[in-house]
Amino acid sequence: MDLLKQMADAFVILIRTGAVFRVVYCLVRMGMNEEEAAMYKKRARNTVVFYVIAESIWQIKELVLSYFV
């Protein structure tokens, strides 16, 4: 059970850092190429939406587990 919790925590950290790096990458690319700025702006927005959904799912899982355990 302890290994499973460690793996879940590692996935959460991976999702958080990946989302931050992806948004930073998109912002840098928007600054470098103005012609493709709209595309990278949409990609950054999609990354933020993914992060919000992932965090929401994680929090709902924690609430359900704390309720039933």
PDB file of N, CA and C in Angstrom:
ATOM      1  N   MET A   1       0.831  -1.202   0.000  1.00  0.00           N
ATOM      2  CA  MET A   1       0.000   0.000   0.000  1.00  0.00           C
ATOM      3  C   MET A   1       0.870   1.260   0.000  1.00  0.00           C
ATOM      4  N   ASP A   2       2.002   1.172   0.691  1.00  0.00           N
ATOM      5  CA  ASP A   2       2.893   2.317   0.766  1.00  0.00           C
ATOM      6  C   ASP A   2       3.509   2.620  -0.606  1.00  0.00           C
ATOM      7  N   LEU A   3       3.850   1.567  -1.343  1.00  0.00           N
ATOM      8  CA  LEU A   3       4.407   1.743  -2.683  1.00  0.00           C
ATOM      9  C   LEU A   3       3.383   2.387  -3.612  1.00  0.00           C
ATOM     10  N   LEU A   4       2.131   1.998  -3.479  1.00  0.00           N
ATOM     11  CA  LEU A   4       1.071   2.571  -4.312  1.00  0.00           C
ATOM     12  C   LEU A   4       0.894   4.060  -4.028  1.00  0.00           C
ATOM     13  N   LYS A   5       0.957   4.443  -2.765  1.00  0.00           N
ATOM     14  CA  LYS A   5       0.848   5.861  -2.407  1.00  0.00           C
ATOM     15  C   LYS A   5       2.039   6.653  -2.939  1.00  0.00           C
ATOM     16  N   GLN A   6       3.226   6.079  -2.871  1.00  0.00           N
ATOM     17  CA  GLN A   6       4.406   6.755  -3.401  1.00  0.00           C
ATOM     18  C   GLN A   6       4.301   6.941  -4.909  1.00  0.00           C
ATOM     19  N   MET A   7       3.791   5.938  -5.603  1.00  0.00           N
ATOM     20  CA  MET A   7       3.622   6.053  -7.052  1.00  0.00           C
ATOM     21  C   MET A   7       2.584   7.122  -7.395  1.00  0.00           C
ATOM     22  N   ALA A   8       1.496   7.174  -6.648  1.00  0.00           N
ATOM     23  CA  ALA A   8       0.475   8.186  -6.889  1.00  0.00           C
ATOM     24  C   ALA A   8       1.029   9.583  -6.655  1.00  0.00           C
ATOM     25  N   ASP A   9       1.803   9.743  -5.590  1.00  0.00           N
ATOM     26  CA  ASP A   9       2.422  11.039  -5.315  1.00  0.00           C
ATOM     27  C   ASP A   9       3.408  11.428  -6.416  1.00  0.00           C
ATOM     28  N   ALA A  10       4.131  10.433  -6.937  1.00  0.00           N
ATOM     29  CA  ALA A  10       5.073  10.712  -8.021  1.00  0.00           C
ATOM     30  C   ALA A  10       4.330  11.153  -9.281  1.00  0.00           C
ATOM     31  N   PHE A  11       3.191  10.535  -9.573  1.00  0.00           N
ATOM     32  CA  PHE A  11       2.406  10.943 -10.735  1.00  0.00           C
ATOM     33  C   PHE A  11       1.878  12.362 -10.586  1.00  0.00           C
ATOM     34  N   VAL A  12       1.462  12.725  -9.401  1.00  0.00           N
ATOM     35  CA  VAL A  12       0.963  14.083  -9.173  1.00  0.00           C
ATOM     36  C   VAL A  12       2.081  15.098  -9.382  1.00  0.00           C
ATOM     37  N   ILE A  13       3.249  14.799  -8.855  1.00  0.00           N
ATOM     38  CA  ILE A  13       4.391  15.705  -9.035  1.00  0.00           C
ATOM     39  C   ILE A  13       4.752  15.796 -10.509  1.00  0.00           C
ATOM     40  N   LEU A  14       4.720  14.667 -11.215  1.00  0.00           N
ATOM     41  CA  LEU A  14       5.024  14.651 -12.636  1.00  0.00           C
ATOM     42  C   LEU A  14       4.019  15.468 -13.436  1.00  0.00           C
ATOM     43  N   ILE A  15       2.746  15.367 -13.106  1.00  0.00           N
ATOM     44  CA  ILE A  15       1.718  16.151 -13.797  1.00  0.00           C
ATOM     45  C   ILE A  15       1.922  17.640 -13.544  1.00  0.00           C
ATOM     46  N   ARG A  16       2.194  18.005 -12.314  1.00  0.00           N
ATOM     47  CA  ARG A  16       2.380  19.421 -11.986  1.00  0.00           C
ATOM     48  C   ARG A  16       3.587  20.017 -12.688  1.00  0.00           C
ATOM     49  N   THR A  17       4.718  19.341 -12.613  1.00  0.00           N
ATOM     50  CA  THR A  17       5.918  19.889 -13.243  1.00  0.00           C
ATOM     51  C   THR A  17       5.804  19.879 -14.761  1.00  0.00           C
ATOM     52  N   GLY A  18       5.187  18.835 -15.306  1.00  0.00           N
ATOM     53  CA  GLY A  18       5.003  18.773 -16.753  1.00  0.00           C
ATOM     54  C   GLY A  18       4.125  19.894 -17.264  1.00  0.00           C
ATOM     55  N   ALA A  19       3.060  20.192 -16.538  1.00  0.00           N
ATOM     56  CA  ALA A  19       2.165  21.272 -16.954  1.00  0.00           C
ATOM     57  C   ALA A  19       2.875  22.628 -16.881  1.00  0.00           C
ATOM     58  N   VAL A  20       3.650  22.836 -15.837  1.00  0.00           N
ATOM     59  CA  VAL A  20       4.374  24.106 -15.705  1.00  0.00           C
ATOM     60  C   VAL A  20       5.387  24.259 -16.834  1.00  0.00           C
ATOM     61  N   PHE A  21       6.151  23.208 -17.107  1.00  0.00           N
ATOM     62  CA  PHE A  21       7.147  23.285 -18.181  1.00  0.00           C
ATOM     63  C   PHE A  21       6.487  23.469 -19.544  1.00  0.00           C
ATOM     64  N   ARG A  22       5.339  22.841 -19.760  1.00  0.00           N
ATOM     65  CA  ARG A  22       4.647  22.979 -21.047  1.00  0.00           C
ATOM     66  C   ARG A  22       4.146  24.408 -21.248  1.00  0.00           C
ATOM     67  N   VAL A  23       3.598  25.012 -20.203  1.00  0.00           N
ATOM     68  CA  VAL A  23       3.117  26.394 -20.313  1.00  0.00           C
ATOM     69  C   VAL A  23       4.291  27.344 -20.550  1.00  0.00           C
ATOM     70  N   VAL A  24       5.381  27.148 -19.828  1.00  0.00           N
ATOM     71  CA  VAL A  24       6.561  27.992 -20.032  1.00  0.00           C
ATOM     72  C   VAL A  24       7.096  27.832 -21.448  1.00  0.00           C
ATOM     73  N   TYR A  25       7.150  26.609 -21.949  1.00  0.00           N
ATOM     74  CA  TYR A  25       7.605  26.358 -23.315  1.00  0.00           C
ATOM     75  C   TYR A  25       6.716  27.077 -24.331  1.00  0.00           C
ATOM     76  N   CYS A  26       5.409  26.986 -24.136  1.00  0.00           N
ATOM     77  CA  CYS A  26       4.484  27.660 -25.055  1.00  0.00           C
ATOM     78  C   CYS A  26       4.654  29.176 -25.000  1.00  0.00           C
ATOM     79  N   LEU A  27       4.858  29.723 -23.819  1.00  0.00           N
ATOM     80  CA  LEU A  27       5.063  31.168 -23.700  1.00  0.00           C
ATOM     81  C   LEU A  27       6.356  31.606 -24.382  1.00  0.00           C
ATOM     82  N   VAL A  28       7.401  30.822 -24.245  1.00  0.00           N
ATOM     83  CA  VAL A  28       8.666  31.152 -24.908  1.00  0.00           C
ATOM     84  C   VAL A  28       8.497  31.086 -26.419  1.00  0.00           C
ATOM     85  N   ARG A  29       7.833  30.054 -26.900  1.00  0.00           N
ATOM     86  CA  ARG A  29       7.633  29.929 -28.345  1.00  0.00           C
ATOM     87  C   ARG A  29       6.736  31.036 -28.894  1.00  0.00           C
ATOM     88  N   MET A  30       5.767  31.493 -28.094  1.00  0.00           N
ATOM     89  CA  MET A  30       4.925  32.615 -28.531  1.00  0.00           C
ATOM     90  C   MET A  30       5.761  33.870 -28.699  1.00  0.00           C
ATOM     91  N   GLY A  31       6.717  34.082 -27.822  1.00  0.00           N
ATOM     92  CA  GLY A  31       7.570  35.255 -27.912  1.00  0.00           C
ATOM     93  C   GLY A  31       8.547  35.193 -29.068  1.00  0.00           C
ATOM     94  N   MET A  32       8.928  33.976 -29.462  1.00  0.00           N
ATOM     95  CA  MET A  32       9.907  33.830 -30.538  1.00  0.00           C
ATOM     96  C   MET A  32       9.281  33.931 -31.926  1.00  0.00           C
ATOM     97  N   ASN A  33       8.063  33.447 -32.084  1.00  0.00           N
ATOM     98  CA  ASN A  33       7.447  33.388 -33.402  1.00  0.00           C
ATOM     99  C   ASN A  33       6.042  33.972 -33.319  1.00  0.00           C
ATOM    100  N   GLU A  34       5.875  35.187 -33.791  1.00  0.00           N
ATOM    101  CA  GLU A  34       4.584  35.864 -33.694  1.00  0.00           C
ATOM    102  C   GLU A  34       3.550  35.276 -34.650  1.00  0.00           C
ATOM    103  N   GLU A  35       4.013  34.630 -35.721  1.00  0.00           N
ATOM    104  CA  GLU A  35       3.073  34.055 -36.681  1.00  0.00           C
ATOM    105  C   GLU A  35       2.320  32.863 -36.093  1.00  0.00           C
ATOM    106  N   GLU A  36       2.981  32.118 -35.233  1.00  0.00           N
ATOM    107  CA  GLU A  36       2.365  30.938 -34.630  1.00  0.00           C
ATOM    108  C   GLU A  36       1.924  31.194 -33.188  1.00  0.00           C
ATOM    109  N   ALA A  37       1.814  32.435 -32.794  1.00  0.00           N
ATOM    110  CA  ALA A  37       1.479  32.773 -31.410  1.00  0.00           C
ATOM    111  C   ALA A  37       0.089  32.276 -31.028  1.00  0.00           C
ATOM    112  N   ALA A  38      -0.855  32.345 -31.949  1.00  0.00           N
ATOM    113  CA  ALA A  38      -2.215  31.892 -31.639  1.00  0.00           C
ATOM    114  C   ALA A  38      -2.242  30.396 -31.347  1.00  0.00           C
ATOM    115  N   MET A  39      -1.465  29.636 -32.100  1.00  0.00           N
ATOM    116  CA  MET A  39      -1.420  28.189 -31.893  1.00  0.00           C
ATOM    117  C   MET A  39      -0.839  27.858 -30.520  1.00  0.00           C
ATOM    118  N   TYR A  40       0.255  28.526 -30.147  1.00  0.00           N
ATOM    119  CA  TYR A  40       0.878  28.243 -28.855  1.00  0.00           C
ATOM    120  C   TYR A  40       0.036  28.776 -27.700  1.00  0.00           C
ATOM    121  N   LYS A  41      -0.707  29.839 -27.936  1.00  0.00           N
ATOM    122  CA  LYS A  41      -1.618  30.342 -26.903  1.00  0.00           C
ATOM    123  C   LYS A  41      -2.712  29.313 -26.634  1.00  0.00           C
ATOM    124  N   LYS A  42      -3.227  28.704 -27.693  1.00  0.00           N
ATOM    125  CA  LYS A  42      -4.257  27.670 -27.532  1.00  0.00           C
ATOM    126  C   LYS A  42      -3.677  26.444 -26.833  1.00  0.00           C
ATOM    127  N   ARG A  43      -2.451  26.073 -27.166  1.00  0.00           N
ATOM    128  CA  ARG A  43      -1.812  24.928 -26.516  1.00  0.00           C
ATOM    129  C   ARG A  43      -1.587  25.198 -25.028  1.00  0.00           C
ATOM    130  N   ALA A  44      -1.189  26.411 -24.695  1.00  0.00           N
ATOM    131  CA  ALA A  44      -0.988  26.763 -23.287  1.00  0.00           C
ATOM    132  C   ALA A  44      -2.311  26.728 -22.534  1.00  0.00           C
ATOM    133  N   ARG A  45      -3.367  27.227 -23.170  1.00  0.00           N
ATOM    134  CA  ARG A  45      -4.682  27.195 -22.531  1.00  0.00           C
ATOM    135  C   ARG A  45      -5.144  25.756 -22.319  1.00  0.00           C
ATOM    136  N   ASN A  46      -4.927  24.893 -23.298  1.00  0.00           N
ATOM    137  CA  ASN A  46      -5.300  23.488 -23.167  1.00  0.00           C
ATOM    138  C   ASN A  46      -4.507  22.806 -22.056  1.00  0.00           C
ATOM    139  N   THR A  47      -3.263  23.184 -21.887  1.00  0.00           N
ATOM    140  CA  THR A  47      -2.453  22.624 -20.815  1.00  0.00           C
ATOM    141  C   THR A  47      -2.989  23.041 -19.452  1.00  0.00           C
ATOM    142  N   VAL A  48      -3.393  24.288 -19.333  1.00  0.00           N
ATOM    143  CA  VAL A  48      -3.969  24.762 -18.070  1.00  0.00           C
ATOM    144  C   VAL A  48      -5.281  24.044 -17.783  1.00  0.00           C
ATOM    145  N   VAL A  49      -6.107  23.843 -18.793  1.00  0.00           N
ATOM    146  CA  VAL A  49      -7.368  23.112 -18.614  1.00  0.00           C
ATOM    147  C   VAL A  49      -7.083  21.681 -18.171  1.00  0.00           C
ATOM    148  N   PHE A  50      -6.106  21.025 -18.803  1.00  0.00           N
ATOM    149  CA  PHE A  50      -5.718  19.676 -18.402  1.00  0.00           C
ATOM    150  C   PHE A  50      -5.284  19.649 -16.943  1.00  0.00           C
ATOM    151  N   TYR A  51      -4.478  20.621 -16.540  1.00  0.00           N
ATOM    152  CA  TYR A  51      -3.991  20.657 -15.165  1.00  0.00           C
ATOM    153  C   TYR A  51      -5.139  20.820 -14.170  1.00  0.00           C
ATOM    154  N   VAL A  52      -6.075  21.690 -14.474  1.00  0.00           N
ATOM    155  CA  VAL A  52      -7.215  21.907 -13.573  1.00  0.00           C
ATOM    156  C   VAL A  52      -8.042  20.633 -13.454  1.00  0.00           C
ATOM    157  N   ILE A  53      -8.287  19.966 -14.568  1.00  0.00           N
ATOM    158  CA  ILE A  53      -9.064  18.728 -14.536  1.00  0.00           C
ATOM    159  C   ILE A  53      -8.319  17.645 -13.767  1.00  0.00           C
ATOM    160  N   ALA A  54      -7.017  17.520 -13.989  1.00  0.00           N
ATOM    161  CA  ALA A  54      -6.226  16.508 -13.289  1.00  0.00           C
ATOM    162  C   ALA A  54      -6.223  16.756 -11.785  1.00  0.00           C
ATOM    163  N   GLU A  55      -6.059  17.999 -11.365  1.00  0.00           N
ATOM    164  CA  GLU A  55      -6.079  18.320  -9.937  1.00  0.00           C
ATOM    165  C   GLU A  55      -7.462  18.071  -9.336  1.00  0.00           C
ATOM    166  N   SER A  56      -8.497  18.380 -10.085  1.00  0.00           N
ATOM    167  CA  SER A  56      -9.858  18.158  -9.596  1.00  0.00           C
ATOM    168  C   SER A  56     -10.110  16.671  -9.376  1.00  0.00           C
ATOM    169  N   ILE A  57      -9.698  15.862 -10.334  1.00  0.00           N
ATOM    170  CA  ILE A  57      -9.872  14.419 -10.189  1.00  0.00           C
ATOM    171  C   ILE A  57      -9.097  13.905  -8.988  1.00  0.00           C
ATOM    172  N   TRP A  58      -7.885  14.401  -8.815  1.00  0.00           N
ATOM    173  CA  TRP A  58      -7.068  13.977  -7.681  1.00  0.00           C
ATOM    174  C   TRP A  58      -7.746  14.342  -6.356  1.00  0.00           C
ATOM    175  N   GLN A  59      -8.277  15.540  -6.246  1.00  0.00           N
ATOM    176  CA  GLN A  59      -8.931  15.965  -5.010  1.00  0.00           C
ATOM    177  C   GLN A  59     -10.212  15.184  -4.747  1.00  0.00           C
ATOM    178  N   ILE A  60     -10.975  14.890  -5.792  1.00  0.00           N
ATOM    179  CA  ILE A  60     -12.197  14.089  -5.623  1.00  0.00           C
ATOM    180  C   ILE A  60     -11.837  12.695  -5.140  1.00  0.00           C
ATOM    181  N   LYS A  61     -10.775  12.114  -5.689  1.00  0.00           N
ATOM    182  CA  LYS A  61     -10.327  10.791  -5.247  1.00  0.00           C
ATOM    183  C   LYS A  61      -9.951  10.819  -3.770  1.00  0.00           C
ATOM    184  N   GLU A  62      -9.241  11.845  -3.344  1.00  0.00           N
ATOM    185  CA  GLU A  62      -8.851  11.954  -1.940  1.00  0.00           C
ATOM    186  C   GLU A  62     -10.074  12.107  -1.026  1.00  0.00           C
ATOM    187  N   LEU A  63     -11.059  12.882  -1.473  1.00  0.00           N
ATOM    188  CA  LEU A  63     -12.277  13.040  -0.674  1.00  0.00           C
ATOM    189  C   LEU A  63     -13.032  11.726  -0.539  1.00  0.00           C
ATOM    190  N   VAL A  64     -13.150  10.997  -1.623  1.00  0.00           N
ATOM    191  CA  VAL A  64     -13.864   9.713  -1.592  1.00  0.00           C
ATOM    192  C   VAL A  64     -13.128   8.725  -0.691  1.00  0.00           C
ATOM    193  N   LEU A  65     -11.815   8.649  -0.826  1.00  0.00           N
ATOM    194  CA  LEU A  65     -11.055   7.718   0.016  1.00  0.00           C
ATOM    195  C   LEU A  65     -11.123   8.088   1.491  1.00  0.00           C
ATOM    196  N   SER A  66     -11.076   9.381   1.796  1.00  0.00           N
ATOM    197  CA  SER A  66     -11.149   9.785   3.201  1.00  0.00           C
ATOM    198  C   SER A  66     -12.549   9.552   3.773  1.00  0.00           C
ATOM    199  N   TYR A  67     -13.557   9.598   2.933  1.00  0.00           N
ATOM    200  CA  TYR A  67     -14.929   9.371   3.403  1.00  0.00           C
ATOM    201  C   TYR A  67     -15.163   7.905   3.721  1.00  0.00           C
ATOM    202  N   PHE A  68     -14.671   7.018   2.864  1.00  0.00           N
ATOM    203  CA  PHE A  68     -14.950   5.601   3.029  1.00  0.00           C
ATOM    204  C   PHE A  68     -13.932   4.866   3.888  1.00  0.00           C
ATOM    205  N   VAL A  69     -12.799   5.462   4.167  1.00  0.00           N
ATOM    206  CA  VAL A  69     -11.772   4.745   4.950  1.00  0.00           C
ATOM    207  C   VAL A  69     -11.789   5.199   6.376  1.00  0.00           C
TER     208      VAL A  69
END
